[in-house]
Amino acid sequence: MSLTDARWARIEPLLLGRTPRRGDRRRDRHAPLFTSIPEAERYVRKYTVSHPVPAGNYPPRAYDGLTETRFENWEDHDAFFASENYRTLVNPDEARFIDMESVAVMVTEEKKVM
């Protein structure tokens, strides 16, 4: 599925202009870019962006941000990351603020306890 002119008008400003701080970029530029592609609505069940906050009696932060992306199944996961829109628009933007050498990836299955 290709981008319509209307969708491109929404995401083009996100690709150009000022370079925000890392946390700002993930939340304020990259997240809207991520959610603007049709494949996000089609395949992604949950997408969250979190940043550490100062918390007394806890160790200093060990990371600058956490992103959680959930899919219904592996087929949706694979289709999303293989899509042209992800590969040509979203993935290149990640290199602008993610240090891929220090990224930790976790694949989990959630079990509700309470």
N, C-alpha and C. Protein backbone atom coordinates (compact mmCIF):
# COMPACT_ATOMS: atom_id res chain seq x y z
N MET A 1 0.85 -1.17 0.00
CA MET A 1 0.00 0.00 0.00
C MET A 1 0.90 1.23 0.00
N SER A 2 0.67 2.14 -0.92
CA SER A 2 1.50 3.33 -0.99
C SER A 2 0.85 4.48 -0.24
N LEU A 3 1.66 5.50 0.03
CA LEU A 3 1.16 6.66 0.74
C LEU A 3 0.36 7.56 -0.20
N THR A 4 -0.78 8.04 0.28
CA THR A 4 -1.56 9.01 -0.48
C THR A 4 -0.94 10.39 -0.26
N ASP A 5 -1.33 11.35 -1.08
CA ASP A 5 -0.84 12.71 -0.91
C ASP A 5 -1.22 13.25 0.47
N ALA A 6 -2.41 12.91 0.93
CA ALA A 6 -2.86 13.40 2.24
C ALA A 6 -1.99 12.83 3.36
N ARG A 7 -1.67 11.54 3.30
CA ARG A 7 -0.80 10.95 4.33
C ARG A 7 0.60 11.53 4.26
N TRP A 8 1.11 11.73 3.04
CA TRP A 8 2.45 12.30 2.91
C TRP A 8 2.47 13.71 3.50
N ALA A 9 1.40 14.49 3.29
CA ALA A 9 1.33 15.84 3.86
C ALA A 9 1.40 15.80 5.38
N ARG A 10 0.89 14.73 5.98
CA ARG A 10 0.94 14.60 7.44
C ARG A 10 2.33 14.24 7.93
N ILE A 11 3.06 13.40 7.19
CA ILE A 11 4.35 12.94 7.71
C ILE A 11 5.55 13.73 7.22
N GLU A 12 5.43 14.42 6.09
CA GLU A 12 6.59 15.16 5.58
C GLU A 12 7.17 16.13 6.60
N PRO A 13 6.34 16.91 7.32
CA PRO A 13 6.93 17.81 8.31
C PRO A 13 7.67 17.08 9.42
N LEU A 14 7.35 15.84 9.66
CA LEU A 14 8.03 15.07 10.68
C LEU A 14 9.44 14.67 10.26
N LEU A 15 9.68 14.62 8.97
CA LEU A 15 10.97 14.19 8.46
C LEU A 15 11.95 15.36 8.31
N LEU A 16 11.46 16.56 8.22
CA LEU A 16 12.29 17.72 7.96
C LEU A 16 12.26 18.68 9.14
N GLY A 17 13.15 19.62 9.16
CA GLY A 17 13.10 20.65 10.19
C GLY A 17 14.07 20.41 11.32
N ARG A 18 13.76 20.99 12.49
CA ARG A 18 14.66 20.94 13.63
C ARG A 18 14.94 19.51 14.07
N THR A 19 16.08 19.33 14.69
CA THR A 19 16.43 18.04 15.25
C THR A 19 16.20 18.12 16.76
N PRO A 20 15.12 17.53 17.25
CA PRO A 20 14.85 17.61 18.68
C PRO A 20 15.78 16.72 19.49
N ARG A 21 15.71 16.88 20.82
CA ARG A 21 16.47 15.99 21.69
C ARG A 21 15.98 14.57 21.47
N ARG A 22 16.78 13.58 21.88
CA ARG A 22 16.43 12.18 21.63
C ARG A 22 15.04 11.82 22.13
N GLY A 23 14.74 12.10 23.37
CA GLY A 23 13.44 11.75 23.92
C GLY A 23 12.31 12.44 23.18
N ASP A 24 12.53 13.71 22.83
CA ASP A 24 11.52 14.44 22.08
C ASP A 24 11.31 13.81 20.71
N ARG A 25 12.38 13.44 20.05
CA ARG A 25 12.25 12.90 18.70
C ARG A 25 11.46 11.59 18.73
N ARG A 26 11.75 10.72 19.66
CA ARG A 26 11.06 9.43 19.72
C ARG A 26 9.56 9.64 19.91
N ARG A 27 9.21 10.52 20.80
CA ARG A 27 7.80 10.74 21.15
C ARG A 27 7.12 11.70 20.17
N ASP A 28 7.79 12.81 19.84
CA ASP A 28 7.14 13.89 19.12
C ASP A 28 7.27 13.82 17.60
N ARG A 29 8.25 13.09 17.10
CA ARG A 29 8.44 13.00 15.65
C ARG A 29 8.32 11.57 15.16
N HIS A 30 9.03 10.66 15.81
CA HIS A 30 9.05 9.30 15.30
C HIS A 30 7.72 8.58 15.55
N ALA A 31 7.14 8.72 16.71
CA ALA A 31 5.86 8.05 16.99
C ALA A 31 4.77 8.47 16.00
N PRO A 32 4.59 9.78 15.72
CA PRO A 32 3.60 10.14 14.71
C PRO A 32 3.93 9.60 13.32
N LEU A 33 5.22 9.55 12.98
CA LEU A 33 5.62 8.97 11.70
C LEU A 33 5.26 7.48 11.67
N PHE A 34 5.61 6.77 12.74
CA PHE A 34 5.31 5.34 12.86
C PHE A 34 3.81 5.09 12.69
N THR A 35 2.99 5.86 13.40
CA THR A 35 1.54 5.62 13.37
C THR A 35 0.87 6.14 12.12
N SER A 36 1.59 6.94 11.31
CA SER A 36 0.99 7.49 10.10
C SER A 36 0.93 6.49 8.94
N ILE A 37 1.73 5.45 8.99
CA ILE A 37 1.71 4.52 7.86
C ILE A 37 0.53 3.55 8.02
N PRO A 38 -0.12 3.20 6.92
CA PRO A 38 -1.30 2.33 7.00
C PRO A 38 -1.03 0.99 7.66
N GLU A 39 0.18 0.49 7.52
CA GLU A 39 0.51 -0.81 8.10
C GLU A 39 0.47 -0.79 9.62
N ALA A 40 0.72 0.36 10.22
CA ALA A 40 0.64 0.45 11.68
C ALA A 40 -0.79 0.19 12.14
N GLU A 41 -1.73 0.82 11.49
CA GLU A 41 -3.13 0.61 11.86
C GLU A 41 -3.57 -0.83 11.57
N ARG A 42 -3.04 -1.37 10.51
CA ARG A 42 -3.46 -2.72 10.10
C ARG A 42 -2.87 -3.81 10.98
N TYR A 43 -1.59 -3.69 11.35
CA TYR A 43 -0.90 -4.79 12.01
C TYR A 43 -0.56 -4.59 13.50
N VAL A 44 -0.36 -3.35 13.93
CA VAL A 44 0.12 -3.10 15.28
C VAL A 44 -1.07 -3.01 16.24
N ARG A 45 -1.00 -3.77 17.33
CA ARG A 45 -2.07 -3.77 18.34
C ARG A 45 -1.81 -2.77 19.46
N LYS A 46 -0.53 -2.50 19.74
CA LYS A 46 -0.19 -1.54 20.78
C LYS A 46 1.20 -0.98 20.48
N TYR A 47 1.33 0.34 20.65
CA TYR A 47 2.61 1.00 20.45
C TYR A 47 2.74 2.06 21.53
N THR A 48 3.71 1.89 22.42
CA THR A 48 3.91 2.85 23.50
C THR A 48 5.34 3.35 23.49
N VAL A 49 5.52 4.58 23.94
CA VAL A 49 6.83 5.19 24.08
C VAL A 49 6.93 5.69 25.52
N SER A 50 7.94 5.25 26.24
CA SER A 50 8.11 5.62 27.64
C SER A 50 9.52 6.17 27.86
N HIS A 51 9.62 7.13 28.79
CA HIS A 51 10.91 7.71 29.15
C HIS A 51 11.07 7.65 30.66
N PRO A 52 12.28 7.37 31.14
CA PRO A 52 12.49 7.30 32.59
C PRO A 52 12.29 8.67 33.24
N VAL A 53 11.83 8.63 34.45
CA VAL A 53 11.66 9.85 35.25
C VAL A 53 12.44 9.68 36.55
N PRO A 54 12.88 10.77 37.13
CA PRO A 54 13.58 10.66 38.42
C PRO A 54 12.68 10.01 39.46
N ALA A 55 13.22 9.08 40.19
CA ALA A 55 12.45 8.39 41.22
C ALA A 55 13.35 8.16 42.42
N GLY A 56 13.01 8.79 43.53
CA GLY A 56 13.81 8.63 44.74
C GLY A 56 13.92 7.18 45.15
N ASN A 57 15.04 6.81 45.74
CA ASN A 57 15.30 5.46 46.22
C ASN A 57 15.43 4.42 45.11
N TYR A 58 15.55 4.86 43.86
CA TYR A 58 15.80 3.95 42.74
C TYR A 58 17.12 4.32 42.10
N PRO A 59 17.80 3.36 41.48
CA PRO A 59 19.07 3.68 40.83
C PRO A 59 18.85 4.66 39.68
N PRO A 60 19.92 5.33 39.25
CA PRO A 60 19.78 6.23 38.10
C PRO A 60 19.35 5.45 36.86
N ARG A 61 18.78 6.16 35.94
CA ARG A 61 18.26 5.50 34.73
C ARG A 61 19.36 4.77 33.99
N ALA A 62 18.99 3.68 33.38
CA ALA A 62 19.95 2.88 32.61
C ALA A 62 19.69 3.00 31.11
N TYR A 63 18.69 3.78 30.72
CA TYR A 63 18.32 3.93 29.33
C TYR A 63 17.64 5.28 29.14
N ASP A 64 17.50 5.72 27.87
CA ASP A 64 16.83 7.00 27.65
C ASP A 64 15.42 6.84 27.12
N GLY A 65 15.02 5.65 26.75
CA GLY A 65 13.65 5.44 26.30
C GLY A 65 13.34 3.98 26.10
N LEU A 66 12.07 3.69 26.09
CA LEU A 66 11.58 2.32 25.92
C LEU A 66 10.39 2.38 24.98
N THR A 67 10.41 1.55 23.96
CA THR A 67 9.30 1.46 23.04
C THR A 67 8.76 0.04 23.09
N GLU A 68 7.45 -0.07 23.19
CA GLU A 68 6.80 -1.38 23.18
C GLU A 68 5.89 -1.45 21.96
N THR A 69 6.09 -2.48 21.16
CA THR A 69 5.26 -2.69 19.98
C THR A 69 4.68 -4.09 20.07
N ARG A 70 3.35 -4.18 20.00
CA ARG A 70 2.69 -5.48 20.11
C ARG A 70 1.96 -5.82 18.82
N PHE A 71 2.02 -7.09 18.49
CA PHE A 71 1.34 -7.62 17.32
C PHE A 71 0.45 -8.78 17.74
N GLU A 72 -0.56 -9.05 16.96
CA GLU A 72 -1.47 -10.16 17.24
C GLU A 72 -0.77 -11.51 17.03
N ASN A 73 0.11 -11.56 16.03
CA ASN A 73 0.78 -12.82 15.70
C ASN A 73 2.06 -12.51 14.91
N TRP A 74 2.85 -13.56 14.65
CA TRP A 74 4.11 -13.38 13.93
C TRP A 74 3.90 -12.94 12.49
N GLU A 75 2.81 -13.36 11.88
CA GLU A 75 2.54 -12.96 10.50
C GLU A 75 2.37 -11.44 10.41
N ASP A 76 1.63 -10.86 11.38
CA ASP A 76 1.46 -9.40 11.39
C ASP A 76 2.80 -8.71 11.65
N HIS A 77 3.59 -9.24 12.57
CA HIS A 77 4.93 -8.70 12.85
C HIS A 77 5.75 -8.67 11.58
N ASP A 78 5.82 -9.81 10.90
CA ASP A 78 6.64 -9.91 9.70
C ASP A 78 6.13 -9.00 8.58
N ALA A 79 4.81 -8.92 8.41
CA ALA A 79 4.23 -8.07 7.36
C ALA A 79 4.53 -6.60 7.63
N PHE A 80 4.43 -6.18 8.89
CA PHE A 80 4.70 -4.79 9.22
C PHE A 80 6.15 -4.43 8.90
N PHE A 81 7.10 -5.19 9.42
CA PHE A 81 8.50 -4.85 9.24
C PHE A 81 8.99 -5.06 7.81
N ALA A 82 8.28 -5.84 7.01
CA ALA A 82 8.64 -6.03 5.61
C ALA A 82 7.98 -5.01 4.70
N SER A 83 7.04 -4.23 5.22
CA SER A 83 6.30 -3.29 4.36
C SER A 83 7.22 -2.21 3.81
N GLU A 84 6.90 -1.76 2.62
CA GLU A 84 7.70 -0.72 1.98
C GLU A 84 7.67 0.57 2.80
N ASN A 85 6.52 0.93 3.34
CA ASN A 85 6.43 2.15 4.13
C ASN A 85 7.31 2.09 5.38
N TYR A 86 7.35 0.95 6.06
CA TYR A 86 8.24 0.84 7.21
C TYR A 86 9.69 0.94 6.76
N ARG A 87 10.05 0.17 5.74
CA ARG A 87 11.44 0.12 5.29
C ARG A 87 11.95 1.45 4.75
N THR A 88 11.09 2.22 4.07
CA THR A 88 11.57 3.45 3.42
C THR A 88 11.32 4.72 4.23
N LEU A 89 10.36 4.71 5.14
CA LEU A 89 10.04 5.91 5.91
C LEU A 89 10.40 5.80 7.39
N VAL A 90 9.94 4.75 8.04
CA VAL A 90 10.09 4.63 9.49
C VAL A 90 11.49 4.16 9.86
N ASN A 91 11.95 3.09 9.27
CA ASN A 91 13.25 2.54 9.63
C ASN A 91 14.40 3.53 9.44
N PRO A 92 14.47 4.27 8.34
CA PRO A 92 15.57 5.24 8.21
C PRO A 92 15.53 6.33 9.30
N ASP A 93 14.34 6.70 9.76
CA ASP A 93 14.25 7.71 10.81
C ASP A 93 14.82 7.19 12.13
N GLU A 94 14.73 5.90 12.37
CA GLU A 94 15.23 5.32 13.62
C GLU A 94 16.73 5.56 13.79
N ALA A 95 17.46 5.55 12.69
CA ALA A 95 18.91 5.76 12.75
C ALA A 95 19.26 7.17 13.21
N ARG A 96 18.31 8.09 13.17
CA ARG A 96 18.57 9.47 13.59
C ARG A 96 18.61 9.63 15.10
N PHE A 97 18.07 8.67 15.84
CA PHE A 97 18.04 8.84 17.29
C PHE A 97 18.29 7.56 18.08
N ILE A 98 18.41 6.44 17.42
CA ILE A 98 18.66 5.18 18.12
C ILE A 98 20.09 4.74 17.88
N ASP A 99 20.80 4.46 18.94
CA ASP A 99 22.14 3.89 18.85
C ASP A 99 21.96 2.38 18.77
N MET A 100 21.97 1.85 17.56
CA MET A 100 21.66 0.44 17.35
C MET A 100 22.66 -0.49 18.02
N GLU A 101 23.86 0.01 18.32
CA GLU A 101 24.85 -0.80 19.02
C GLU A 101 24.46 -1.06 20.48
N SER A 102 23.63 -0.19 21.04
CA SER A 102 23.28 -0.34 22.45
C SER A 102 21.83 -0.78 22.67
N VAL A 103 21.10 -1.04 21.60
CA VAL A 103 19.69 -1.41 21.73
C VAL A 103 19.56 -2.83 22.29
N ALA A 104 18.62 -2.99 23.19
CA ALA A 104 18.26 -4.31 23.69
C ALA A 104 16.86 -4.62 23.17
N VAL A 105 16.68 -5.79 22.63
CA VAL A 105 15.38 -6.21 22.11
C VAL A 105 14.91 -7.41 22.93
N MET A 106 13.66 -7.37 23.32
CA MET A 106 13.07 -8.47 24.07
C MET A 106 11.82 -8.93 23.33
N VAL A 107 11.70 -10.22 23.12
CA VAL A 107 10.49 -10.80 22.56
C VAL A 107 9.84 -11.56 23.70
N THR A 108 8.62 -11.16 24.03
CA THR A 108 7.96 -11.73 25.21
C THR A 108 6.54 -12.17 24.91
N GLU A 109 6.02 -12.95 25.81
CA GLU A 109 4.61 -13.31 25.81
C GLU A 109 4.05 -12.88 27.16
N GLU A 110 3.04 -12.04 27.12
CA GLU A 110 2.49 -11.51 28.37
C GLU A 110 1.47 -12.47 28.98
N LYS A 111 1.61 -12.68 30.27
CA LYS A 111 0.64 -13.47 31.03
C LYS A 111 0.12 -12.59 32.16
N LYS A 112 -1.16 -12.28 32.14
CA LYS A 112 -1.74 -11.43 33.18
C LYS A 112 -1.80 -12.20 34.49
N VAL A 113 -1.28 -11.58 35.54
CA VAL A 113 -1.23 -12.20 36.87
C VAL A 113 -2.34 -11.63 37.75
N MET A 114 -2.59 -10.36 37.65
CA MET A 114 -3.65 -9.72 38.44
C MET A 114 -4.56 -8.94 37.53
